[in-house]
Amino acid sequence: MGLAVGLLALVNLAGEVVRPPFDSTHTWLGDADLPRPIFRALELASAVVLLWHAVRPLRPAWARLGGAIVVGIGAALAVRDVATFYGVLASGAIHGPAFVPASLVVLVCLSALAASIATDRADRPRWTLARAAACGAVTAASFVAMPLLLMVTLGPTRYERRADCAIVFGARVWDDGTPSLALSDRVDEAIRLYQQGLVGALVMSGAVDDHNGFSEPEVMRARAVAAGVPKDAVILDEAGITSSWTARNGALLMRRHGFSRAIAVTHYYHEPRVKMLFERAGVAVYTVPARMSRRLLKEPWFIVREVLAYWHSFLFQ
């Protein structure tokens, strides 16, 4: 686990240098009230300590103590985010079935790693093919677990707030022109937000199906208008070919219309990646997952695909 966390920190730092905005540390630790140079230095030191610890124990004793303190600072930063989450939850400002924030899991993991670093004095066994394979398997499992953790904590949590618009992510339209269940649920969630007065506009983003020629945004608008949303309150983005394009186009549309805050509406497993993409596009978004009228038959596949898509977006989008 420590190897995976150390690698993630290094990639995050490199990405911020090569192609900002890239940083996603706040997703796990919350917003740290530290000057950026100090925070970056701590992140780099933590990465080095964790990678070193994965290979061999730190020596001498002062190095172990220093390494444990550096990693422990990350745990301390997570404490604040945990407290903030439960304070907001208690106030009723957020809702959802997940009552454990991702930062609480991060707190436990970093605390365990700090304790391990401080007390570890035993030499590591020689590197063998079996040890390398076991280390690789644990690291790979950690990278699978990270987006899954966000999907079951951040994803289902409803951060309903007043915003200028709701940006709705498209999904499949059937050959007869009717929206799929996933698309219907997303649009219906956006309609509820509009009817509650939380947003003044709906941005329907999707693509034109190459197979049947139907425009996802047009079908989405028709459903919203049929439910009583004024047609001029619906903005179409027919270039939302991917999640990344929807975030990019959404940011451009918001600037064009003078919007500053948005609610991203999609399914829970999609929300963590969507939030990351909007933040990289410079847009402040709240996430509100679509209520599912029934479970999607391909939901397990969508979750597996989203794990891979999360890391692809993290590295390249």
C-alpha atoms as a PDB file:
ATOM      1  CA  MET A   1       0.000   0.000   0.000  1.00  0.00           C
ATOM      2  CA  GLY A   2       2.810   2.399   0.891  1.00  0.00           C
ATOM      3  CA  LEU A   3       4.408   1.846  -2.508  1.00  0.00           C
ATOM      4  CA  ALA A   4       1.146   2.757  -4.271  1.00  0.00           C
ATOM      5  CA  VAL A   5       0.676   5.904  -2.171  1.00  0.00           C
ATOM      6  CA  GLY A   6       4.269   6.961  -2.782  1.00  0.00           C
ATOM      7  CA  LEU A   7       3.956   6.431  -6.532  1.00  0.00           C
ATOM      8  CA  LEU A   8       0.679   8.365  -6.623  1.00  0.00           C
ATOM      9  CA  ALA A   9       2.292  11.299  -4.799  1.00  0.00           C
ATOM     10  CA  LEU A  10       5.251  11.338  -7.196  1.00  0.00           C
ATOM     11  CA  VAL A  11       3.039  11.224 -10.296  1.00  0.00           C
ATOM     12  CA  ASN A  12       0.836  13.945  -8.839  1.00  0.00           C
ATOM     13  CA  LEU A  13       3.852  16.204  -8.266  1.00  0.00           C
ATOM     14  CA  ALA A  14       5.283  15.502 -11.716  1.00  0.00           C
ATOM     15  CA  GLY A  15       1.936  16.190 -13.368  1.00  0.00           C
ATOM     16  CA  GLU A  16       1.586  19.502 -11.577  1.00  0.00           C
ATOM     17  CA  VAL A  17       5.002  20.548 -12.892  1.00  0.00           C
ATOM     18  CA  VAL A  18       4.538  19.295 -16.464  1.00  0.00           C
ATOM     19  CA  ARG A  19       0.836  19.960 -17.113  1.00  0.00           C
ATOM     20  CA  PRO A  20      -0.974  22.010 -14.456  1.00  0.00           C
ATOM     21  CA  PRO A  21      -3.634  22.047 -13.148  1.00  0.00           C
ATOM     22  CA  PHE A  22      -3.066  18.393 -12.260  1.00  0.00           C
ATOM     23  CA  ASP A  23      -3.034  18.182  -8.472  1.00  0.00           C
ATOM     24  CA  SER A  24      -5.616  15.854  -6.905  1.00  0.00           C
ATOM     25  CA  THR A  25      -4.209  15.657  -3.362  1.00  0.00           C
ATOM     26  CA  HIS A  26      -7.185  17.546  -1.899  1.00  0.00           C
ATOM     27  CA  THR A  27      -9.435  14.693  -3.080  1.00  0.00           C
ATOM     28  CA  TRP A  28      -7.861  12.519  -0.413  1.00  0.00           C
ATOM     29  CA  LEU A  29      -6.762  14.975   2.287  1.00  0.00           C
ATOM     30  CA  GLY A  30      -9.078  17.942   1.840  1.00  0.00           C
ATOM     31  CA  ASP A  31      -7.882  21.506   1.414  1.00  0.00           C
ATOM     32  CA  ALA A  32      -4.728  22.038   3.467  1.00  0.00           C
ATOM     33  CA  ASP A  33      -4.146  25.555   4.775  1.00  0.00           C
ATOM     34  CA  LEU A  34      -0.431  25.416   4.000  1.00  0.00           C
ATOM     35  CA  PRO A  35       1.612  27.490   1.575  1.00  0.00           C
ATOM     36  CA  ARG A  36       1.931  25.576  -1.684  1.00  0.00           C
ATOM     37  CA  PRO A  37       5.752  25.284  -1.560  1.00  0.00           C
ATOM     38  CA  ILE A  38       5.614  23.801   1.947  1.00  0.00           C
ATOM     39  CA  PHE A  39       2.816  21.421   0.993  1.00  0.00           C
ATOM     40  CA  ARG A  40       4.696  20.286  -2.125  1.00  0.00           C
ATOM     41  CA  ALA A  41       7.873  19.744  -0.102  1.00  0.00           C
ATOM     42  CA  LEU A  42       5.950  17.606   2.415  1.00  0.00           C
ATOM     43  CA  GLU A  43       4.340  15.628  -0.410  1.00  0.00           C
ATOM     44  CA  LEU A  44       7.724  14.972  -2.019  1.00  0.00           C
ATOM     45  CA  ALA A  45       9.267  13.977   1.306  1.00  0.00           C
ATOM     46  CA  SER A  46       6.358  11.626   2.014  1.00  0.00           C
ATOM     47  CA  ALA A  47       6.705  10.020  -1.408  1.00  0.00           C
ATOM     48  CA  VAL A  48      10.428   9.415  -0.903  1.00  0.00           C
ATOM     49  CA  VAL A  49       9.896   8.012   2.597  1.00  0.00           C
ATOM     50  CA  LEU A  50       7.115   5.646   1.496  1.00  0.00           C
ATOM     51  CA  LEU A  51       9.028   4.373  -1.523  1.00  0.00           C
ATOM     52  CA  TRP A  52      12.174   3.843   0.554  1.00  0.00           C
ATOM     53  CA  HIS A  53      10.177   2.107   3.289  1.00  0.00           C
ATOM     54  CA  ALA A  54       8.693  -0.269   0.715  1.00  0.00           C
ATOM     55  CA  VAL A  55      12.191  -1.469  -0.167  1.00  0.00           C
ATOM     56  CA  ARG A  56      14.081  -1.330   3.119  1.00  0.00           C
ATOM     57  CA  PRO A  57      13.702   0.116   6.643  1.00  0.00           C
ATOM     58  CA  LEU A  58      14.898   3.626   7.269  1.00  0.00           C
ATOM     59  CA  ARG A  59      18.105   3.933   9.263  1.00  0.00           C
ATOM     60  CA  PRO A  60      19.208   5.405  11.635  1.00  0.00           C
ATOM     61  CA  ALA A  61      16.528   5.929  14.280  1.00  0.00           C
ATOM     62  CA  TRP A  62      16.241   9.674  13.596  1.00  0.00           C
ATOM     63  CA  ALA A  63      15.428   8.885   9.943  1.00  0.00           C
ATOM     64  CA  ARG A  64      12.628   6.549  11.011  1.00  0.00           C
ATOM     65  CA  LEU A  65      11.253   9.177  13.358  1.00  0.00           C
ATOM     66  CA  GLY A  66      11.470  11.906  10.731  1.00  0.00           C
ATOM     67  CA  GLY A  67       9.842   9.709   8.100  1.00  0.00           C
ATOM     68  CA  ALA A  68       7.019   8.790  10.448  1.00  0.00           C
ATOM     69  CA  ILE A  69       6.433  12.467  11.270  1.00  0.00           C
ATOM     70  CA  VAL A  70       6.316  13.456   7.594  1.00  0.00           C
ATOM     71  CA  VAL A  71       3.751  10.752   6.773  1.00  0.00           C
ATOM     72  CA  GLY A  72       1.911  11.535  10.022  1.00  0.00           C
ATOM     73  CA  ILE A  73       1.436  15.141   8.895  1.00  0.00           C
ATOM     74  CA  GLY A  74      -0.624  13.795   5.995  1.00  0.00           C
ATOM     75  CA  ALA A  75      -2.777  11.900   8.496  1.00  0.00           C
ATOM     76  CA  ALA A  76      -3.177  15.087  10.544  1.00  0.00           C
ATOM     77  CA  LEU A  77      -4.368  16.972   7.465  1.00  0.00           C
ATOM     78  CA  ALA A  78      -6.933  14.236   6.835  1.00  0.00           C
ATOM     79  CA  VAL A  79      -8.284  14.710  10.373  1.00  0.00           C
ATOM     80  CA  ARG A  80      -9.475  18.199   9.514  1.00  0.00           C
ATOM     81  CA  ASP A  81     -11.293  17.000   6.411  1.00  0.00           C
ATOM     82  CA  VAL A  82     -12.972  14.215   8.405  1.00  0.00           C
ATOM     83  CA  ALA A  83     -14.155  16.738  10.998  1.00  0.00           C
ATOM     84  CA  THR A  84     -15.419  19.078   8.277  1.00  0.00           C
ATOM     85  CA  PHE A  85     -17.327  16.253   6.593  1.00  0.00           C
ATOM     86  CA  TYR A  86     -19.132  15.167   9.758  1.00  0.00           C
ATOM     87  CA  GLY A  87     -19.880  18.766  10.688  1.00  0.00           C
ATOM     88  CA  VAL A  88     -21.513  19.408   7.325  1.00  0.00           C
ATOM     89  CA  LEU A  89     -23.312  16.046   7.492  1.00  0.00           C
ATOM     90  CA  ALA A  90     -24.695  16.857  10.936  1.00  0.00           C
ATOM     91  CA  SER A  91     -25.975  20.216   9.682  1.00  0.00           C
ATOM     92  CA  GLY A  92     -28.003  18.445   6.991  1.00  0.00           C
ATOM     93  CA  ALA A  93     -26.177  20.251   4.187  1.00  0.00           C
ATOM     94  CA  ILE A  94     -25.243  16.977   2.489  1.00  0.00           C
ATOM     95  CA  HIS A  95     -27.092  13.692   2.195  1.00  0.00           C
ATOM     96  CA  GLY A  96     -26.365  10.180   1.107  1.00  0.00           C
ATOM     97  CA  PRO A  97     -25.937   6.555   2.128  1.00  0.00           C
ATOM     98  CA  ALA A  98     -22.142   6.843   2.577  1.00  0.00           C
ATOM     99  CA  PHE A  99     -21.341   8.109   6.075  1.00  0.00           C
ATOM    100  CA  VAL A 100     -17.607   7.424   5.872  1.00  0.00           C
ATOM    101  CA  PRO A 101     -15.584  10.011   3.933  1.00  0.00           C
ATOM    102  CA  ALA A 102     -12.609   8.880   1.855  1.00  0.00           C
ATOM    103  CA  SER A 103     -10.381  11.036   4.073  1.00  0.00           C
ATOM    104  CA  LEU A 104     -11.215   8.823   7.070  1.00  0.00           C
ATOM    105  CA  VAL A 105      -9.868   5.765   5.250  1.00  0.00           C
ATOM    106  CA  VAL A 106      -6.830   7.823   4.227  1.00  0.00           C
ATOM    107  CA  LEU A 107      -6.354   8.847   7.875  1.00  0.00           C
ATOM    108  CA  VAL A 108      -6.312   5.212   9.015  1.00  0.00           C
ATOM    109  CA  CYS A 109      -3.956   4.121   6.219  1.00  0.00           C
ATOM    110  CA  LEU A 110      -1.471   6.966   6.703  1.00  0.00           C
ATOM    111  CA  SER A 111      -1.497   6.486  10.482  1.00  0.00           C
ATOM    112  CA  ALA A 112      -0.753   2.787  10.019  1.00  0.00           C
ATOM    113  CA  LEU A 113       2.061   3.576   7.581  1.00  0.00           C
ATOM    114  CA  ALA A 114       3.553   6.171   9.949  1.00  0.00           C
ATOM    115  CA  ALA A 115       3.490   3.651  12.812  1.00  0.00           C
ATOM    116  CA  SER A 116       5.075   1.002  10.588  1.00  0.00           C
ATOM    117  CA  ILE A 117       7.863   3.373   9.533  1.00  0.00           C
ATOM    118  CA  ALA A 118       8.596   4.386  13.145  1.00  0.00           C
ATOM    119  CA  THR A 119       8.843   0.816  14.449  1.00  0.00           C
ATOM    120  CA  ASP A 120      10.302  -1.028  11.458  1.00  0.00           C
ATOM    121  CA  ARG A 121      13.859  -2.211  12.139  1.00  0.00           C
ATOM    122  CA  ALA A 122      13.896  -5.610  10.432  1.00  0.00           C
ATOM    123  CA  ASP A 123      15.846  -6.129   7.222  1.00  0.00           C
ATOM    124  CA  ARG A 124      13.798  -6.950   4.143  1.00  0.00           C
ATOM    125  CA  PRO A 125      14.211 -10.371   2.497  1.00  0.00           C
ATOM    126  CA  ARG A 126      16.126 -10.553  -0.762  1.00  0.00           C
ATOM    127  CA  TRP A 127      14.191  -9.570  -3.864  1.00  0.00           C
ATOM    128  CA  THR A 128      12.953 -12.644  -5.677  1.00  0.00           C
ATOM    129  CA  LEU A 129      10.494 -13.098  -8.489  1.00  0.00           C
ATOM    130  CA  ALA A 130       7.855 -14.223  -5.984  1.00  0.00           C
ATOM    131  CA  ARG A 131       8.404 -11.172  -3.763  1.00  0.00           C
ATOM    132  CA  ALA A 132       8.315  -8.825  -6.747  1.00  0.00           C
ATOM    133  CA  ALA A 133       5.076 -10.446  -7.959  1.00  0.00           C
ATOM    134  CA  ALA A 134       3.475 -10.139  -4.508  1.00  0.00           C
ATOM    135  CA  CYS A 135       4.543  -6.506  -4.225  1.00  0.00           C
ATOM    136  CA  GLY A 136       3.184  -5.798  -7.710  1.00  0.00           C
ATOM    137  CA  ALA A 137      -0.127  -7.485  -6.888  1.00  0.00           C
ATOM    138  CA  VAL A 138      -0.600  -5.459  -3.687  1.00  0.00           C
ATOM    139  CA  THR A 139       0.275  -2.237  -5.501  1.00  0.00           C
ATOM    140  CA  ALA A 140      -2.124  -3.016  -8.357  1.00  0.00           C
ATOM    141  CA  ALA A 141      -4.881  -3.864  -5.872  1.00  0.00           C
ATOM    142  CA  SER A 142      -4.264  -0.534  -4.117  1.00  0.00           C
ATOM    143  CA  PHE A 143      -4.669   1.363  -7.390  1.00  0.00           C
ATOM    144  CA  VAL A 144      -7.926  -0.474  -8.053  1.00  0.00           C
ATOM    145  CA  ALA A 145      -9.159   0.274  -4.539  1.00  0.00           C
ATOM    146  CA  MET A 146      -8.487   4.028  -4.709  1.00  0.00           C
ATOM    147  CA  PRO A 147     -11.151   4.991  -7.292  1.00  0.00           C
ATOM    148  CA  LEU A 148     -13.509   2.375  -5.831  1.00  0.00           C
ATOM    149  CA  LEU A 149     -13.171   4.118  -2.474  1.00  0.00           C
ATOM    150  CA  LEU A 150     -14.215   7.411  -4.062  1.00  0.00           C
ATOM    151  CA  MET A 151     -17.124   5.717  -5.850  1.00  0.00           C
ATOM    152  CA  VAL A 152     -18.624   4.469  -2.573  1.00  0.00           C
ATOM    153  CA  THR A 153     -17.897   7.611  -0.502  1.00  0.00           C
ATOM    154  CA  LEU A 154     -17.908  10.731  -2.677  1.00  0.00           C
ATOM    155  CA  GLY A 155     -20.016   9.193  -5.443  1.00  0.00           C
ATOM    156  CA  PRO A 156     -23.350   8.587  -3.621  1.00  0.00           C
ATOM    157  CA  THR A 157     -23.119  11.746  -1.474  1.00  0.00           C
ATOM    158  CA  ARG A 158     -25.524  14.467  -2.536  1.00  0.00           C
ATOM    159  CA  TYR A 159     -23.895  17.910  -2.353  1.00  0.00           C
ATOM    160  CA  GLU A 160     -27.082  19.777  -3.220  1.00  0.00           C
ATOM    161  CA  ARG A 161     -26.429  23.524  -3.284  1.00  0.00           C
ATOM    162  CA  ARG A 162     -27.645  26.570  -5.146  1.00  0.00           C
ATOM    163  CA  ALA A 163     -25.734  26.835  -8.400  1.00  0.00           C
ATOM    164  CA  ASP A 164     -26.081  28.604 -11.710  1.00  0.00           C
ATOM    165  CA  CYS A 165     -26.687  25.446 -13.713  1.00  0.00           C
ATOM    166  CA  ALA A 166     -26.729  21.676 -13.699  1.00  0.00           C
ATOM    167  CA  ILE A 167     -24.502  19.952 -16.250  1.00  0.00           C
ATOM    168  CA  VAL A 168     -26.027  16.616 -17.193  1.00  0.00           C
ATOM    169  CA  PHE A 169     -23.888  13.886 -18.723  1.00  0.00           C
ATOM    170  CA  GLY A 170     -25.365  12.024 -21.655  1.00  0.00           C
ATOM    171  CA  ALA A 171     -25.904   8.297 -22.123  1.00  0.00           C
ATOM    172  CA  ARG A 172     -27.313   6.030 -24.781  1.00  0.00           C
ATOM    173  CA  VAL A 173     -30.439   6.768 -26.831  1.00  0.00           C
ATOM    174  CA  TRP A 174     -32.217   3.703 -28.233  1.00  0.00           C
ATOM    175  CA  ASP A 175     -32.837   3.271 -31.954  1.00  0.00           C
ATOM    176  CA  ASP A 176     -36.488   4.318 -31.557  1.00  0.00           C
ATOM    177  CA  GLY A 177     -35.396   7.660 -30.093  1.00  0.00           C
ATOM    178  CA  THR A 178     -36.254   6.914 -26.467  1.00  0.00           C
ATOM    179  CA  PRO A 179     -33.675   7.565 -23.755  1.00  0.00           C
ATOM    180  CA  SER A 180     -32.030   4.628 -22.021  1.00  0.00           C
ATOM    181  CA  LEU A 181     -32.717   4.083 -18.329  1.00  0.00           C
ATOM    182  CA  ALA A 182     -29.375   5.671 -17.397  1.00  0.00           C
ATOM    183  CA  LEU A 183     -30.114   8.760 -19.477  1.00  0.00           C
ATOM    184  CA  SER A 184     -33.676   9.061 -18.159  1.00  0.00           C
ATOM    185  CA  ASP A 185     -32.501   8.916 -14.553  1.00  0.00           C
ATOM    186  CA  ARG A 186     -29.865  11.611 -15.123  1.00  0.00           C
ATOM    187  CA  VAL A 187     -32.294  13.962 -16.832  1.00  0.00           C
ATOM    188  CA  ASP A 188     -34.978  13.363 -14.203  1.00  0.00           C
ATOM    189  CA  GLU A 189     -32.480  14.255 -11.462  1.00  0.00           C
ATOM    190  CA  ALA A 190     -31.669  17.518 -13.244  1.00  0.00           C
ATOM    191  CA  ILE A 191     -35.378  18.266 -13.617  1.00  0.00           C
ATOM    192  CA  ARG A 192     -35.811  17.862  -9.846  1.00  0.00           C
ATOM    193  CA  LEU A 193     -32.939  20.269  -9.205  1.00  0.00           C
ATOM    194  CA  TYR A 194     -34.548  22.834 -11.501  1.00  0.00           C
ATOM    195  CA  GLN A 195     -37.987  22.406  -9.970  1.00  0.00           C
ATOM    196  CA  GLN A 196     -36.508  22.816  -6.464  1.00  0.00           C
ATOM    197  CA  GLY A 197     -35.053  26.154  -7.541  1.00  0.00           C
ATOM    198  CA  LEU A 198     -31.459  25.061  -6.990  1.00  0.00           C
ATOM    199  CA  VAL A 199     -30.411  25.803 -10.576  1.00  0.00           C
ATOM    200  CA  GLY A 200     -31.653  28.214 -13.220  1.00  0.00           C
ATOM    201  CA  ALA A 201     -30.420  26.359 -16.298  1.00  0.00           C
ATOM    202  CA  LEU A 202     -29.754  22.822 -17.477  1.00  0.00           C
ATOM    203  CA  VAL A 203     -26.797  22.023 -19.730  1.00  0.00           C
ATOM    204  CA  MET A 204     -27.492  18.803 -21.621  1.00  0.00           C
ATOM    205  CA  SER A 205     -24.203  17.356 -22.827  1.00  0.00           C
ATOM    206  CA  GLY A 206     -23.704  14.375 -25.082  1.00  0.00           C
ATOM    207  CA  ALA A 207     -23.090  13.347 -28.649  1.00  0.00           C
ATOM    208  CA  VAL A 208     -24.977  12.459 -31.806  1.00  0.00           C
ATOM    209  CA  ASP A 209     -25.180   8.682 -32.131  1.00  0.00           C
ATOM    210  CA  ASP A 210     -23.329   7.574 -35.256  1.00  0.00           C
ATOM    211  CA  HIS A 211     -25.512   4.470 -35.505  1.00  0.00           C
ATOM    212  CA  ASN A 212     -29.054   5.837 -35.224  1.00  0.00           C
ATOM    213  CA  GLY A 213     -28.447   9.551 -35.758  1.00  0.00           C
ATOM    214  CA  PHE A 214     -30.225  10.676 -32.594  1.00  0.00           C
ATOM    215  CA  SER A 215     -28.780  13.570 -30.610  1.00  0.00           C
ATOM    216  CA  GLU A 216     -28.494  12.754 -26.921  1.00  0.00           C
ATOM    217  CA  PRO A 217     -28.825  16.437 -25.883  1.00  0.00           C
ATOM    218  CA  GLU A 218     -31.949  16.869 -28.059  1.00  0.00           C
ATOM    219  CA  VAL A 219     -33.582  13.806 -26.490  1.00  0.00           C
ATOM    220  CA  MET A 220     -32.578  15.067 -23.035  1.00  0.00           C
ATOM    221  CA  ARG A 221     -34.071  18.498 -23.701  1.00  0.00           C
ATOM    222  CA  ALA A 222     -37.313  16.997 -24.982  1.00  0.00           C
ATOM    223  CA  ARG A 223     -37.710  15.031 -21.754  1.00  0.00           C
ATOM    224  CA  ALA A 224     -37.002  18.094 -19.629  1.00  0.00           C
ATOM    225  CA  VAL A 225     -39.400  20.318 -21.584  1.00  0.00           C
ATOM    226  CA  ALA A 226     -42.116  17.657 -21.353  1.00  0.00           C
ATOM    227  CA  ALA A 227     -41.673  17.796 -17.573  1.00  0.00           C
ATOM    228  CA  GLY A 228     -42.243  21.557 -17.514  1.00  0.00           C
ATOM    229  CA  VAL A 229     -38.737  23.015 -17.844  1.00  0.00           C
ATOM    230  CA  PRO A 230     -38.824  26.058 -20.169  1.00  0.00           C
ATOM    231  CA  LYS A 231     -37.057  25.385 -23.451  1.00  0.00           C
ATOM    232  CA  ASP A 232     -34.939  28.520 -23.127  1.00  0.00           C
ATOM    233  CA  ALA A 233     -33.617  27.224 -19.773  1.00  0.00           C
ATOM    234  CA  VAL A 234     -31.976  24.266 -21.513  1.00  0.00           C
ATOM    235  CA  ILE A 235     -28.556  24.651 -23.145  1.00  0.00           C
ATOM    236  CA  LEU A 236     -27.308  21.982 -25.535  1.00  0.00           C
ATOM    237  CA  ASP A 237     -23.768  20.676 -25.913  1.00  0.00           C
ATOM    238  CA  GLU A 238     -23.685  18.158 -28.743  1.00  0.00           C
ATOM    239  CA  ALA A 239     -19.879  17.921 -28.639  1.00  0.00           C
ATOM    240  CA  GLY A 240     -19.831  16.091 -25.309  1.00  0.00           C
ATOM    241  CA  ILE A 241     -18.318  13.020 -26.904  1.00  0.00           C
ATOM    242  CA  THR A 242     -16.431  11.998 -23.761  1.00  0.00           C
ATOM    243  CA  SER A 243     -16.502  12.986 -20.102  1.00  0.00           C
ATOM    244  CA  SER A 244     -13.415  15.092 -20.679  1.00  0.00           C
ATOM    245  CA  TRP A 245     -15.071  16.959 -23.549  1.00  0.00           C
ATOM    246  CA  THR A 246     -18.194  17.546 -21.476  1.00  0.00           C
ATOM    247  CA  ALA A 247     -16.099  19.081 -18.692  1.00  0.00           C
ATOM    248  CA  ARG A 248     -14.177  21.237 -21.157  1.00  0.00           C
ATOM    249  CA  ASN A 249     -17.275  22.346 -23.051  1.00  0.00           C
ATOM    250  CA  GLY A 250     -19.162  22.888 -19.817  1.00  0.00           C
ATOM    251  CA  ALA A 251     -16.434  25.231 -18.577  1.00  0.00           C
ATOM    252  CA  LEU A 252     -16.581  27.211 -21.835  1.00  0.00           C
ATOM    253  CA  LEU A 253     -20.378  27.437 -21.753  1.00  0.00           C
ATOM    254  CA  MET A 254     -20.345  28.589 -18.145  1.00  0.00           C
ATOM    255  CA  ARG A 255     -17.901  31.383 -18.907  1.00  0.00           C
ATOM    256  CA  ARG A 256     -19.933  32.393 -21.948  1.00  0.00           C
ATOM    257  CA  HIS A 257     -23.141  32.624 -19.894  1.00  0.00           C
ATOM    258  CA  GLY A 258     -21.502  34.189 -16.849  1.00  0.00           C
ATOM    259  CA  PHE A 259     -22.021  31.129 -14.630  1.00  0.00           C
ATOM    260  CA  SER A 260     -19.626  30.500 -11.749  1.00  0.00           C
ATOM    261  CA  ARG A 261     -20.916  27.332 -10.057  1.00  0.00           C
ATOM    262  CA  ALA A 262     -22.455  24.151 -11.404  1.00  0.00           C
ATOM    263  CA  ILE A 263     -23.909  20.860 -10.266  1.00  0.00           C
ATOM    264  CA  ALA A 264     -22.636  17.799 -12.119  1.00  0.00           C
ATOM    265  CA  VAL A 265     -25.370  15.204 -12.630  1.00  0.00           C
ATOM    266  CA  THR A 266     -24.408  11.659 -13.552  1.00  0.00           C
ATOM    267  CA  HIS A 267     -24.299   8.236 -11.883  1.00  0.00           C
ATOM    268  CA  TYR A 268     -22.500   7.762  -8.563  1.00  0.00           C
ATOM    269  CA  TYR A 269     -19.651   5.686  -9.987  1.00  0.00           C
ATOM    270  CA  HIS A 270     -18.937   8.417 -12.542  1.00  0.00           C
ATOM    271  CA  GLU A 271     -18.952  11.382 -10.144  1.00  0.00           C
ATOM    272  CA  PRO A 272     -15.345  11.153  -8.789  1.00  0.00           C
ATOM    273  CA  ARG A 273     -13.823  11.322 -12.275  1.00  0.00           C
ATOM    274  CA  VAL A 274     -16.256  14.038 -13.339  1.00  0.00           C
ATOM    275  CA  LYS A 275     -15.343  16.197 -10.342  1.00  0.00           C
ATOM    276  CA  MET A 276     -11.631  15.808 -11.101  1.00  0.00           C
ATOM    277  CA  LEU A 277     -12.119  16.770 -14.758  1.00  0.00           C
ATOM    278  CA  PHE A 278     -14.176  19.869 -13.925  1.00  0.00           C
ATOM    279  CA  GLU A 279     -11.619  21.007 -11.367  1.00  0.00           C
ATOM    280  CA  ARG A 280      -8.902  20.696 -13.991  1.00  0.00           C
ATOM    281  CA  ALA A 281     -11.087  22.763 -16.318  1.00  0.00           C
ATOM    282  CA  GLY A 282     -11.232  25.488 -13.661  1.00  0.00           C
ATOM    283  CA  VAL A 283     -14.899  25.017 -12.736  1.00  0.00           C
ATOM    284  CA  ALA A 284     -16.320  24.766  -9.222  1.00  0.00           C
ATOM    285  CA  VAL A 285     -18.798  21.878  -9.211  1.00  0.00           C
ATOM    286  CA  TYR A 286     -20.966  20.108  -6.689  1.00  0.00           C
ATOM    287  CA  THR A 287     -21.822  16.484  -7.365  1.00  0.00           C
ATOM    288  CA  VAL A 288     -25.375  15.161  -7.206  1.00  0.00           C
ATOM    289  CA  PRO A 289     -25.724  11.536  -8.324  1.00  0.00           C
ATOM    290  CA  ALA A 290     -28.804  10.534 -10.276  1.00  0.00           C
ATOM    291  CA  ARG A 291     -31.333   8.553  -8.312  1.00  0.00           C
ATOM    292  CA  MET A 292     -31.722   5.199 -10.044  1.00  0.00           C
ATOM    293  CA  SER A 293     -35.289   4.117 -10.720  1.00  0.00           C
ATOM    294  CA  ARG A 294     -33.844   0.593 -10.742  1.00  0.00           C
ATOM    295  CA  ARG A 295     -30.341  -0.880 -10.768  1.00  0.00           C
ATOM    296  CA  LEU A 296     -28.623  -0.911 -14.127  1.00  0.00           C
ATOM    297  CA  LEU A 297     -28.070  -4.405 -15.512  1.00  0.00           C
ATOM    298  CA  LYS A 298     -24.538  -3.517 -16.594  1.00  0.00           C
ATOM    299  CA  GLU A 299     -23.683  -1.613 -13.419  1.00  0.00           C
ATOM    300  CA  PRO A 300     -20.833  -3.997 -12.399  1.00  0.00           C
ATOM    301  CA  TRP A 301     -19.244  -3.554 -15.825  1.00  0.00           C
ATOM    302  CA  PHE A 302     -19.670   0.232 -15.638  1.00  0.00           C
ATOM    303  CA  ILE A 303     -17.841   0.242 -12.291  1.00  0.00           C
ATOM    304  CA  VAL A 304     -14.950  -1.851 -13.638  1.00  0.00           C
ATOM    305  CA  ARG A 305     -14.696   0.367 -16.696  1.00  0.00           C
ATOM    306  CA  GLU A 306     -14.778   3.474 -14.535  1.00  0.00           C
ATOM    307  CA  VAL A 307     -11.779   2.282 -12.493  1.00  0.00           C
ATOM    308  CA  LEU A 308      -9.722   2.153 -15.695  1.00  0.00           C
ATOM    309  CA  ALA A 309     -11.220   5.410 -16.982  1.00  0.00           C
ATOM    310  CA  TYR A 310     -10.396   7.204 -13.726  1.00  0.00           C
ATOM    311  CA  TRP A 311      -6.679   6.484 -14.059  1.00  0.00           C
ATOM    312  CA  HIS A 312      -6.712   7.279 -17.769  1.00  0.00           C
ATOM    313  CA  SER A 313      -8.285  10.657 -17.022  1.00  0.00           C
ATOM    314  CA  PHE A 314      -5.945  11.238 -14.091  1.00  0.00           C
ATOM    315  CA  LEU A 315      -2.865  10.702 -16.254  1.00  0.00           C
ATOM    316  CA  PHE A 316      -3.871  12.055 -19.643  1.00  0.00           C
ATOM    317  CA  GLN A 317      -6.917  14.355 -19.518  1.00  0.00           C
END
